[in-house]
């Protein structure tokens, strides 16, 4: 999860983004070719999916612990 976060953040900054990379793509930088922008945007989307999957796995493991179960 940390690796996906770092890679996504670096990739987002290379695309000209200044905020959080999970907020979505920024506009294409003026100096970048469209083909390069589309390739990096596709990679960023795949990283977001990977990060989201890892986060969901971690949360489900946490909620499966006995301390988080409710009941009589």
Protein backbone atom coordinates (compact mmCIF):
# COMPACT_ATOMS: atom_id res chain seq x y z
CA UNK A 1 0.00 0.00 0.00
CA UNK A 2 2.84 2.40 0.81
CA UNK A 3 4.61 1.65 -2.46
CA UNK A 4 1.44 2.30 -4.44
CA UNK A 5 0.99 5.56 -2.52
CA UNK A 6 4.52 6.79 -3.22
CA UNK A 7 4.43 5.76 -6.88
CA UNK A 8 1.03 7.37 -7.36
CA UNK A 9 2.15 10.58 -5.70
CA UNK A 10 5.32 10.77 -7.82
CA UNK A 11 3.41 10.00 -10.99
CA UNK A 12 0.77 12.60 -10.17
CA UNK A 13 3.43 15.25 -9.59
CA UNK A 14 5.07 14.38 -12.92
CA UNK A 15 1.69 15.06 -14.54
CA UNK A 16 1.68 18.53 -13.03
CA UNK A 17 -0.60 17.83 -10.06
CA UNK A 18 -0.16 19.71 -6.81
CA UNK A 19 -2.87 18.25 -4.56
CA UNK A 20 -3.62 14.67 -3.49
CA UNK A 21 -3.27 12.14 -6.31
CA UNK A 22 -6.49 10.37 -5.32
CA UNK A 23 -8.56 13.46 -6.18
CA UNK A 24 -8.28 12.81 -9.91
CA UNK A 25 -6.16 13.85 -12.83
CA UNK A 26 -4.99 17.38 -13.42
CA UNK A 27 -5.01 18.99 -16.84
CA UNK A 28 -2.30 17.91 -19.26
CA UNK A 29 0.86 19.97 -18.83
CA UNK A 30 1.54 22.22 -21.79
CA UNK A 31 4.96 20.67 -22.45
CA UNK A 32 3.84 17.01 -22.36
CA UNK A 33 2.84 14.98 -25.41
CA UNK A 34 -0.65 13.47 -25.41
CA UNK A 35 0.64 9.92 -25.78
CA UNK A 36 2.86 10.29 -22.70
CA UNK A 37 0.05 11.92 -20.73
CA UNK A 38 -2.39 9.11 -21.61
CA UNK A 39 0.14 6.42 -20.65
CA UNK A 40 0.87 8.04 -17.29
CA UNK A 41 -2.83 8.66 -16.67
CA UNK A 42 -3.59 4.98 -17.32
CA UNK A 43 -0.79 3.93 -14.96
CA UNK A 44 -2.11 6.31 -12.30
CA UNK A 45 -5.60 4.85 -12.62
CA UNK A 46 -4.20 1.32 -12.23
CA UNK A 47 -2.27 2.43 -9.13
CA UNK A 48 -5.43 3.92 -7.66
CA UNK A 49 -7.23 0.60 -8.14
CA UNK A 50 -4.32 -1.25 -6.51
CA UNK A 51 -4.21 1.17 -3.58
CA UNK A 52 -7.98 0.98 -3.13
CA UNK A 53 -7.89 -2.83 -3.13
CA UNK A 54 -5.10 -2.90 -0.56
CA UNK A 55 -6.97 -0.44 1.64
CA UNK A 56 -10.17 -2.49 1.49
CA UNK A 57 -8.26 -5.66 2.37
CA UNK A 58 -6.70 -3.95 5.38
CA UNK A 59 -10.01 -2.60 6.61
CA UNK A 60 -11.75 -5.95 6.22
CA UNK A 61 -8.99 -7.65 8.22
CA UNK A 62 -9.30 -5.02 10.92
CA UNK A 63 -13.06 -5.39 11.14
CA UNK A 64 -12.78 -9.18 11.27
CA UNK A 65 -10.88 -9.01 14.57
CA UNK A 66 -12.85 -10.15 17.61
CA UNK A 67 -12.43 -6.76 19.32
CA UNK A 68 -14.48 -5.12 16.57
CA UNK A 69 -17.30 -7.65 16.52
CA UNK A 70 -20.45 -6.70 18.32
CA UNK A 71 -22.90 -9.03 19.83
CA UNK A 72 -24.20 -10.44 23.05
